[in-house]
PDB file of N, CA and C in Angstrom:
ATOM      1  N   MET A   1      39.763  54.806 -33.124  1.00  0.00           N
ATOM      2  CA  MET A   1      39.564  53.659 -32.250  1.00  0.00           C
ATOM      3  C   MET A   1      40.703  52.670 -32.472  1.00  0.00           C
ATOM      4  N   ALA A   2      41.362  52.275 -31.415  1.00  0.00           N
ATOM      5  CA  ALA A   2      42.450  51.298 -31.514  1.00  0.00           C
ATOM      6  C   ALA A   2      41.870  49.906 -31.728  1.00  0.00           C
ATOM      7  N   GLU A   3      42.661  49.064 -32.375  1.00  0.00           N
ATOM      8  CA  GLU A   3      42.201  47.692 -32.596  1.00  0.00           C
ATOM      9  C   GLU A   3      42.002  46.995 -31.256  1.00  0.00           C
ATOM     10  N   THR A   4      40.802  46.438 -31.076  1.00  0.00           N
ATOM     11  CA  THR A   4      40.472  45.811 -29.801  1.00  0.00           C
ATOM     12  C   THR A   4      40.177  44.333 -29.951  1.00  0.00           C
ATOM     13  N   GLY A   5      40.241  43.806 -31.149  1.00  0.00           N
ATOM     14  CA  GLY A   5      39.844  42.431 -31.381  1.00  0.00           C
ATOM     15  C   GLY A   5      38.396  42.387 -31.819  1.00  0.00           C
ATOM     16  N   HIS A   6      37.901  41.196 -31.994  1.00  0.00           N
ATOM     17  CA  HIS A   6      36.546  41.051 -32.503  1.00  0.00           C
ATOM     18  C   HIS A   6      35.931  39.788 -31.917  1.00  0.00           C
ATOM     19  N   SER A   7      34.681  39.893 -31.519  1.00  0.00           N
ATOM     20  CA  SER A   7      33.936  38.717 -31.078  1.00  0.00           C
ATOM     21  C   SER A   7      32.524  38.808 -31.626  1.00  0.00           C
ATOM     22  N   LEU A   8      31.901  37.645 -31.758  1.00  0.00           N
ATOM     23  CA  LEU A   8      30.568  37.572 -32.337  1.00  0.00           C
ATOM     24  C   LEU A   8      29.803  36.469 -31.624  1.00  0.00           C
ATOM     25  N   SER A   9      28.580  36.770 -31.206  1.00  0.00           N
ATOM     26  CA  SER A   9      27.734  35.730 -30.633  1.00  0.00           C
ATOM     27  C   SER A   9      26.324  35.881 -31.194  1.00  0.00           C
ATOM     28  N   ILE A  10      25.703  34.742 -31.439  1.00  0.00           N
ATOM     29  CA  ILE A  10      24.340  34.709 -31.974  1.00  0.00           C
ATOM     30  C   ILE A  10      23.508  33.832 -31.044  1.00  0.00           C
ATOM     31  N   GLU A  11      22.399  34.383 -30.595  1.00  0.00           N
ATOM     32  CA  GLU A  11      21.503  33.661 -29.711  1.00  0.00           C
ATOM     33  C   GLU A  11      20.263  33.220 -30.486  1.00  0.00           C
ATOM     34  N   ASN A  12      20.073  31.915 -30.610  1.00  0.00           N
ATOM     35  CA  ASN A  12      18.889  31.338 -31.255  1.00  0.00           C
ATOM     36  C   ASN A  12      18.609  31.888 -32.655  1.00  0.00           C
ATOM     37  N   ARG A  13      19.674  32.285 -33.362  1.00  0.00           N
ATOM     38  CA  ARG A  13      19.557  32.871 -34.709  1.00  0.00           C
ATOM     39  C   ARG A  13      18.684  34.116 -34.740  1.00  0.00           C
ATOM     40  N   LYS A  14      18.403  34.719 -33.584  1.00  0.00           N
ATOM     41  CA  LYS A  14      17.508  35.872 -33.519  1.00  0.00           C
ATOM     42  C   LYS A  14      18.174  37.142 -33.001  1.00  0.00           C
ATOM     43  N   ARG A  15      19.253  37.007 -32.253  1.00  0.00           N
ATOM     44  CA  ARG A  15      19.923  38.172 -31.673  1.00  0.00           C
ATOM     45  C   ARG A  15      21.425  37.996 -31.832  1.00  0.00           C
ATOM     46  N   LEU A  16      22.071  39.018 -32.371  1.00  0.00           N
ATOM     47  CA  LEU A  16      23.504  38.967 -32.635  1.00  0.00           C
ATOM     48  C   LEU A  16      24.180  40.100 -31.885  1.00  0.00           C
ATOM     49  N   VAL A  17      25.293  39.796 -31.245  1.00  0.00           N
ATOM     50  CA  VAL A  17      26.109  40.804 -30.573  1.00  0.00           C
ATOM     51  C   VAL A  17      27.511  40.700 -31.148  1.00  0.00           C
ATOM     52  N   ALA A  18      28.012  41.804 -31.676  1.00  0.00           N
ATOM     53  CA  ALA A  18      29.366  41.854 -32.238  1.00  0.00           C
ATOM     54  C   ALA A  18      30.161  42.932 -31.517  1.00  0.00           C
ATOM     55  N   GLU A  19      31.373  42.608 -31.153  1.00  0.00           N
ATOM     56  CA  GLU A  19      32.311  43.563 -30.543  1.00  0.00           C
ATOM     57  C   GLU A  19      33.449  43.782 -31.537  1.00  0.00           C
ATOM     58  N   GLY A  20      34.057  44.956 -31.496  1.00  0.00           N
ATOM     59  CA  GLY A  20      35.145  45.261 -32.424  1.00  0.00           C
ATOM     60  C   GLY A  20      34.645  45.782 -33.762  1.00  0.00           C
ATOM     61  N   VAL A  21      33.470  46.406 -33.778  1.00  0.00           N
ATOM     62  CA  VAL A  21      32.905  46.980 -35.012  1.00  0.00           C
ATOM     63  C   VAL A  21      33.395  48.411 -35.136  1.00  0.00           C
ATOM     64  N   ARG A  22      33.951  48.727 -36.297  1.00  0.00           N
ATOM     65  CA  ARG A  22      34.475  50.073 -36.547  1.00  0.00           C
ATOM     66  C   ARG A  22      33.510  50.954 -37.338  1.00  0.00           C
ATOM     67  N   HIS A  23      32.724  50.346 -38.211  1.00  0.00           N
ATOM     68  CA  HIS A  23      31.860  51.116 -39.109  1.00  0.00           C
ATOM     69  C   HIS A  23      30.761  50.205 -39.627  1.00  0.00           C
ATOM     70  N   VAL A  24      29.568  50.739 -39.790  1.00  0.00           N
ATOM     71  CA  VAL A  24      28.494  49.993 -40.440  1.00  0.00           C
ATOM     72  C   VAL A  24      28.234  50.670 -41.773  1.00  0.00           C
ATOM     73  N   GLY A  25      28.342  49.906 -42.851  1.00  0.00           N
ATOM     74  CA  GLY A  25      28.092  50.437 -44.190  1.00  0.00           C
ATOM     75  C   GLY A  25      26.605  50.404 -44.471  1.00  0.00           C
ATOM     76  N   THR A  26      26.223  49.614 -45.422  1.00  0.00           N
ATOM     77  CA  THR A  26      24.815  49.514 -45.757  1.00  0.00           C
ATOM     78  C   THR A  26      24.120  48.536 -44.818  1.00  0.00           C
ATOM     79  N   PHE A  27      22.844  48.813 -44.577  1.00  0.00           N
ATOM     80  CA  PHE A  27      22.046  47.842 -43.844  1.00  0.00           C
ATOM     81  C   PHE A  27      20.601  47.941 -44.313  1.00  0.00           C
ATOM     82  N   THR A  28      20.016  46.796 -44.531  1.00  0.00           N
ATOM     83  CA  THR A  28      18.624  46.671 -44.940  1.00  0.00           C
ATOM     84  C   THR A  28      17.992  45.578 -44.084  1.00  0.00           C
ATOM     85  N   GLU A  29      16.748  45.269 -44.342  1.00  0.00           N
ATOM     86  CA  GLU A  29      16.085  44.186 -43.624  1.00  0.00           C
ATOM     87  C   GLU A  29      16.675  42.826 -43.987  1.00  0.00           C
ATOM     88  N   LYS A  30      17.452  42.762 -45.093  1.00  0.00           N
ATOM     89  CA  LYS A  30      18.007  41.497 -45.552  1.00  0.00           C
ATOM     90  C   LYS A  30      19.522  41.389 -45.378  1.00  0.00           C
ATOM     91  N   GLU A  31      20.216  42.521 -45.170  1.00  0.00           N
ATOM     92  CA  GLU A  31      21.679  42.466 -45.088  1.00  0.00           C
ATOM     93  C   GLU A  31      22.235  43.619 -44.273  1.00  0.00           C
ATOM     94  N   ILE A  32      23.241  43.301 -43.458  1.00  0.00           N
ATOM     95  CA  ILE A  32      23.994  44.304 -42.712  1.00  0.00           C
ATOM     96  C   ILE A  32      25.465  44.083 -43.041  1.00  0.00           C
ATOM     97  N   GLN A  33      26.157  45.158 -43.438  1.00  0.00           N
ATOM     98  CA  GLN A  33      27.584  45.086 -43.730  1.00  0.00           C
ATOM     99  C   GLN A  33      28.318  45.972 -42.737  1.00  0.00           C
ATOM    100  N   ALA A  34      29.321  45.408 -42.075  1.00  0.00           N
ATOM    101  CA  ALA A  34      30.058  46.164 -41.071  1.00  0.00           C
ATOM    102  C   ALA A  34      31.555  45.887 -41.178  1.00  0.00           C
ATOM    103  N   GLN A  35      32.344  46.916 -40.947  1.00  0.00           N
ATOM    104  CA  GLN A  35      33.788  46.753 -40.885  1.00  0.00           C
ATOM    105  C   GLN A  35      34.153  46.460 -39.438  1.00  0.00           C
ATOM    106  N   THR A  36      34.912  45.382 -39.224  1.00  0.00           N
ATOM    107  CA  THR A  36      35.357  45.020 -37.883  1.00  0.00           C
ATOM    108  C   THR A  36      36.877  45.126 -37.811  1.00  0.00           C
ATOM    109  N   ASP A  37      37.402  44.915 -36.637  1.00  0.00           N
ATOM    110  CA  ASP A  37      38.855  44.937 -36.465  1.00  0.00           C
ATOM    111  C   ASP A  37      39.541  43.829 -37.253  1.00  0.00           C
ATOM    112  N   LEU A  38      38.803  42.783 -37.640  1.00  0.00           N
ATOM    113  CA  LEU A  38      39.403  41.644 -38.339  1.00  0.00           C
ATOM    114  C   LEU A  38      38.876  41.451 -39.753  1.00  0.00           C
ATOM    115  N   GLY A  39      38.268  42.472 -40.350  1.00  0.00           N
ATOM    116  CA  GLY A  39      37.774  42.375 -41.719  1.00  0.00           C
ATOM    117  C   GLY A  39      36.312  42.790 -41.805  1.00  0.00           C
ATOM    118  N   TYR A  40      35.750  42.608 -42.992  1.00  0.00           N
ATOM    119  CA  TYR A  40      34.362  42.990 -43.228  1.00  0.00           C
ATOM    120  C   TYR A  40      33.442  41.833 -42.892  1.00  0.00           C
ATOM    121  N   LEU A  41      32.366  42.162 -42.207  1.00  0.00           N
ATOM    122  CA  LEU A  41      31.379  41.192 -41.762  1.00  0.00           C
ATOM    123  C   LEU A  41      30.097  41.434 -42.544  1.00  0.00           C
ATOM    124  N   VAL A  42      29.551  40.370 -43.141  1.00  0.00           N
ATOM    125  CA  VAL A  42      28.300  40.467 -43.889  1.00  0.00           C
ATOM    126  C   VAL A  42      27.299  39.530 -43.242  1.00  0.00           C
ATOM    127  N   LEU A  43      26.210  40.105 -42.758  1.00  0.00           N
ATOM    128  CA  LEU A  43      25.140  39.356 -42.110  1.00  0.00           C
ATOM    129  C   LEU A  43      23.941  39.350 -43.037  1.00  0.00           C
ATOM    130  N   LYS A  44      23.370  38.185 -43.279  1.00  0.00           N
ATOM    131  CA  LYS A  44      22.190  38.095 -44.136  1.00  0.00           C
ATOM    132  C   LYS A  44      21.069  37.405 -43.378  1.00  0.00           C
ATOM    133  N   GLY A  45      19.845  37.787 -43.715  1.00  0.00           N
ATOM    134  CA  GLY A  45      18.694  37.186 -43.059  1.00  0.00           C
ATOM    135  C   GLY A  45      17.406  37.870 -43.464  1.00  0.00           C
ATOM    136  N   GLU A  46      16.431  37.802 -42.572  1.00  0.00           N
ATOM    137  CA  GLU A  46      15.121  38.403 -42.810  1.00  0.00           C
ATOM    138  C   GLU A  46      14.731  39.249 -41.616  1.00  0.00           C
ATOM    139  N   GLY A  47      14.142  40.405 -41.873  1.00  0.00           N
ATOM    140  CA  GLY A  47      13.686  41.276 -40.797  1.00  0.00           C
ATOM    141  C   GLY A  47      14.799  41.778 -39.901  1.00  0.00           C
ATOM    142  N   LEU A  48      15.995  41.997 -40.470  1.00  0.00           N
ATOM    143  CA  LEU A  48      17.140  42.435 -39.671  1.00  0.00           C
ATOM    144  C   LEU A  48      17.015  43.911 -39.311  1.00  0.00           C
ATOM    145  N   TYR A  49      17.349  44.230 -38.084  1.00  0.00           N
ATOM    146  CA  TYR A  49      17.407  45.628 -37.670  1.00  0.00           C
ATOM    147  C   TYR A  49      18.430  45.767 -36.551  1.00  0.00           C
ATOM    148  N   ILE A  50      19.023  46.943 -36.483  1.00  0.00           N
ATOM    149  CA  ILE A  50      20.050  47.230 -35.496  1.00  0.00           C
ATOM    150  C   ILE A  50      19.377  47.822 -34.268  1.00  0.00           C
ATOM    151  N   THR A  51      19.568  47.185 -33.114  1.00  0.00           N
ATOM    152  CA  THR A  51      18.965  47.693 -31.881  1.00  0.00           C
ATOM    153  C   THR A  51      19.950  48.524 -31.064  1.00  0.00           C
ATOM    154  N   GLU A  52      21.246  48.315 -31.299  1.00  0.00           N
ATOM    155  CA  GLU A  52      22.265  49.091 -30.591  1.00  0.00           C
ATOM    156  C   GLU A  52      23.503  49.197 -31.466  1.00  0.00           C
ATOM    157  N   LEU A  53      24.042  50.406 -31.571  1.00  0.00           N
ATOM    158  CA  LEU A  53      25.291  50.619 -32.295  1.00  0.00           C
ATOM    159  C   LEU A  53      26.074  51.689 -31.559  1.00  0.00           C
ATOM    160  N   ASN A  54      27.233  51.321 -31.050  1.00  0.00           N
ATOM    161  CA  ASN A  54      28.106  52.258 -30.364  1.00  0.00           C
ATOM    162  C   ASN A  54      29.509  52.079 -30.931  1.00  0.00           C
ATOM    163  N   LEU A  55      29.880  52.967 -31.842  1.00  0.00           N
ATOM    164  CA  LEU A  55      31.187  52.850 -32.495  1.00  0.00           C
ATOM    165  C   LEU A  55      32.329  53.244 -31.564  1.00  0.00           C
ATOM    166  N   GLU A  56      32.039  53.970 -30.494  1.00  0.00           N
ATOM    167  CA  GLU A  56      33.088  54.310 -29.522  1.00  0.00           C
ATOM    168  C   GLU A  56      33.563  53.056 -28.796  1.00  0.00           C
ATOM    169  N   THR A  57      32.629  52.165 -28.471  1.00  0.00           N
ATOM    170  CA  THR A  57      32.994  50.915 -27.791  1.00  0.00           C
ATOM    171  C   THR A  57      33.124  49.759 -28.772  1.00  0.00           C
ATOM    172  N   GLY A  58      32.641  49.955 -30.016  1.00  0.00           N
ATOM    173  CA  GLY A  58      32.723  48.918 -31.032  1.00  0.00           C
ATOM    174  C   GLY A  58      31.635  47.861 -30.926  1.00  0.00           C
ATOM    175  N   ARG A  59      30.530  48.194 -30.283  1.00  0.00           N
ATOM    176  CA  ARG A  59      29.464  47.211 -30.032  1.00  0.00           C
ATOM    177  C   ARG A  59      28.304  47.391 -31.016  1.00  0.00           C
ATOM    178  N   LEU A  60      27.894  46.282 -31.620  1.00  0.00           N
ATOM    179  CA  LEU A  60      26.737  46.233 -32.516  1.00  0.00           C
ATOM    180  C   LEU A  60      25.808  45.126 -32.019  1.00  0.00           C
ATOM    181  N   VAL A  61      24.532  45.450 -31.853  1.00  0.00           N
ATOM    182  CA  VAL A  61      23.523  44.462 -31.507  1.00  0.00           C
ATOM    183  C   VAL A  61      22.450  44.537 -32.577  1.00  0.00           C
ATOM    184  N   ALA A  62      22.129  43.400 -33.165  1.00  0.00           N
ATOM    185  CA  ALA A  62      21.115  43.347 -34.213  1.00  0.00           C
ATOM    186  C   ALA A  62      20.169  42.193 -33.929  1.00  0.00           C
ATOM    187  N   GLU A  63      18.947  42.340 -34.412  1.00  0.00           N
ATOM    188  CA  GLU A  63      17.949  41.296 -34.232  1.00  0.00           C
ATOM    189  C   GLU A  63      17.266  41.010 -35.556  1.00  0.00           C
ATOM    190  N   GLY A  64      16.646  39.856 -35.644  1.00  0.00           N
ATOM    191  CA  GLY A  64      15.965  39.396 -36.843  1.00  0.00           C
ATOM    192  C   GLY A  64      16.194  37.897 -36.966  1.00  0.00           C
ATOM    193  N   LYS A  65      15.993  37.367 -38.150  1.00  0.00           N
ATOM    194  CA  LYS A  65      16.265  35.945 -38.400  1.00  0.00           C
ATOM    195  C   LYS A  65      17.543  35.853 -39.234  1.00  0.00           C
ATOM    196  N   PHE A  66      18.638  35.454 -38.594  1.00  0.00           N
ATOM    197  CA  PHE A  66      19.930  35.386 -39.278  1.00  0.00           C
ATOM    198  C   PHE A  66      20.055  34.083 -40.057  1.00  0.00           C
ATOM    199  N   GLN A  67      20.459  34.213 -41.327  1.00  0.00           N
ATOM    200  CA  GLN A  67      20.599  33.053 -42.201  1.00  0.00           C
ATOM    201  C   GLN A  67      22.033  32.778 -42.584  1.00  0.00           C
ATOM    202  N   SER A  68      22.883  33.814 -42.602  1.00  0.00           N
ATOM    203  CA  SER A  68      24.299  33.571 -42.895  1.00  0.00           C
ATOM    204  C   SER A  68      25.163  34.676 -42.316  1.00  0.00           C
ATOM    205  N   VAL A  69      26.400  34.287 -42.006  1.00  0.00           N
ATOM    206  CA  VAL A  69      27.422  35.198 -41.499  1.00  0.00           C
ATOM    207  C   VAL A  69      28.671  34.913 -42.312  1.00  0.00           C
ATOM    208  N   ALA A  70      29.253  35.952 -42.906  1.00  0.00           N
ATOM    209  CA  ALA A  70      30.454  35.761 -43.726  1.00  0.00           C
ATOM    210  C   ALA A  70      31.442  36.886 -43.454  1.00  0.00           C
ATOM    211  N   TYR A  71      32.722  36.562 -43.578  1.00  0.00           N
ATOM    212  CA  TYR A  71      33.794  37.538 -43.432  1.00  0.00           C
ATOM    213  C   TYR A  71      34.531  37.689 -44.756  1.00  0.00           C
ATOM    214  N   SER A  72      35.043  38.901 -44.981  1.00  0.00           N
ATOM    215  CA  SER A  72      35.836  39.176 -46.171  1.00  0.00           C
ATOM    216  C   SER A  72      36.924  40.169 -45.789  1.00  0.00           C
ATOM    217  N   ASP A  73      38.056  40.088 -46.478  1.00  0.00           N
ATOM    218  CA  ASP A  73      39.110  41.069 -46.251  1.00  0.00           C
ATOM    219  C   ASP A  73      38.891  42.326 -47.083  1.00  0.00           C
ATOM    220  N   GLU A  74      37.957  42.276 -48.023  1.00  0.00           N
ATOM    221  CA  GLU A  74      37.652  43.420 -48.877  1.00  0.00           C
ATOM    222  C   GLU A  74      36.255  43.922 -48.592  1.00  0.00           C
ATOM    223  N   GLU A  75      36.094  45.243 -48.719  1.00  0.00           N
ATOM    224  CA  GLU A  75      34.781  45.841 -48.501  1.00  0.00           C
ATOM    225  C   GLU A  75      33.825  45.403 -49.589  1.00  0.00           C
ATOM    226  N   ARG A  76      32.617  45.011 -49.183  1.00  0.00           N
ATOM    227  CA  ARG A  76      31.591  44.607 -50.146  1.00  0.00           C
ATOM    228  C   ARG A  76      30.770  45.825 -50.542  1.00  0.00           C
ATOM    229  N   GLN A  77      30.217  45.759 -51.717  1.00  0.00           N
ATOM    230  CA  GLN A  77      29.334  46.802 -52.206  1.00  0.00           C
ATOM    231  C   GLN A  77      27.957  46.186 -52.424  1.00  0.00           C
ATOM    232  N   PRO A  78      26.909  46.978 -52.344  1.00  0.00           N
ATOM    233  CA  PRO A  78      25.594  46.432 -52.667  1.00  0.00           C
ATOM    234  C   PRO A  78      25.585  45.853 -54.076  1.00  0.00           C
ATOM    235  N   ALA A  79      24.829  44.809 -54.299  1.00  0.00           N
ATOM    236  CA  ALA A  79      24.823  44.100 -55.583  1.00  0.00           C
ATOM    237  C   ALA A  79      24.532  45.033 -56.746  1.00  0.00           C
ATOM    238  N   ARG A  80      23.603  45.943 -56.603  1.00  0.00           N
ATOM    239  CA  ARG A  80      23.255  46.845 -57.698  1.00  0.00           C
ATOM    240  C   ARG A  80      24.447  47.719 -58.080  1.00  0.00           C
ATOM    241  N   GLY A  81      25.171  48.231 -57.080  1.00  0.00           N
ATOM    242  CA  GLY A  81      26.334  49.062 -57.354  1.00  0.00           C
ATOM    243  C   GLY A  81      27.410  48.305 -58.098  1.00  0.00           C
ATOM    244  N   VAL A  82      27.627  47.069 -57.747  1.00  0.00           N
ATOM    245  CA  VAL A  82      28.619  46.242 -58.423  1.00  0.00           C
ATOM    246  C   VAL A  82      28.203  46.015 -59.871  1.00  0.00           C
ATOM    247  N   ALA A  83      26.945  45.708 -60.095  1.00  0.00           N
ATOM    248  CA  ALA A  83      26.457  45.456 -61.454  1.00  0.00           C
ATOM    249  C   ALA A  83      26.578  46.707 -62.309  1.00  0.00           C
ATOM    250  N   LEU A  84      26.228  47.871 -61.773  1.00  0.00           N
ATOM    251  CA  LEU A  84      26.328  49.110 -62.541  1.00  0.00           C
ATOM    252  C   LEU A  84      27.778  49.476 -62.823  1.00  0.00           C
ATOM    253  N   ARG A  85      28.666  49.275 -61.855  1.00  0.00           N
ATOM    254  CA  ARG A  85      30.077  49.571 -62.061  1.00  0.00           C
ATOM    255  C   ARG A  85      30.656  48.661 -63.139  1.00  0.00           C
ATOM    256  N   GLY A  86      30.289  47.366 -63.110  1.00  0.00           N
ATOM    257  CA  GLY A  86      30.760  46.427 -64.122  1.00  0.00           C
ATOM    258  C   GLY A  86      30.284  46.814 -65.516  1.00  0.00           C
ATOM    259  N   LEU A  87      29.034  47.238 -65.614  1.00  0.00           N
ATOM    260  CA  LEU A  87      28.485  47.676 -66.896  1.00  0.00           C
ATOM    261  C   LEU A  87      29.238  48.907 -67.376  1.00  0.00           C
ATOM    262  N   TRP A  88      29.471  49.876 -66.515  1.00  0.00           N
ATOM    263  CA  TRP A  88      30.179  51.096 -66.877  1.00  0.00           C
ATOM    264  C   TRP A  88      31.597  50.780 -67.361  1.00  0.00           C
ATOM    265  N   GLU A  89      32.293  49.882 -66.667  1.00  0.00           N
ATOM    266  CA  GLU A  89      33.657  49.522 -67.065  1.00  0.00           C
ATOM    267  C   GLU A  89      33.671  48.860 -68.448  1.00  0.00           C
ATOM    268  N   ARG A  90      32.670  48.061 -68.760  1.00  0.00           N
ATOM    269  CA  ARG A  90      32.607  47.430 -70.093  1.00  0.00           C
ATOM    270  C   ARG A  90      32.326  48.460 -71.173  1.00  0.00           C
ATOM    271  N   LEU A  91      31.499  49.480 -70.872  1.00  0.00           N
ATOM    272  CA  LEU A  91      31.168  50.500 -71.864  1.00  0.00           C
ATOM    273  C   LEU A  91      32.359  51.424 -72.141  1.00  0.00           C
ATOM    274  N   VAL A  92      33.187  51.677 -71.140  1.00  0.00           N
ATOM    275  CA  VAL A  92      34.293  52.611 -71.281  1.00  0.00           C
ATOM    276  C   VAL A  92      35.470  52.005 -72.057  1.00  0.00           C
ATOM    277  N   ARG A  93      35.609  50.702 -72.066  1.00  0.00           N
ATOM    278  CA  ARG A  93      36.747  50.054 -72.758  1.00  0.00           C
ATOM    279  C   ARG A  93      36.778  50.322 -74.203  1.00  0.00           C
TER     280      ARG A  93
END
């Protein structure tokens, strides 16, 4: 998929539409992580679920109660994975 740009809209904190999504990593009822054309997008909230995902067009539609939206240039990992990796690195030294 060629870079197409990225847009994001949230309606009443209940419905989110994102364009320019390349990949969805982990998603739970509390967090959705997606790679976009402009970096990694982390959505947090309650009762989150994906109602539409089309990676050919880059469209993601999610619903729930959104509490935060954050961007990062680096891929995020689930908190448990980060904690276990950190523990392993300390044990190996």
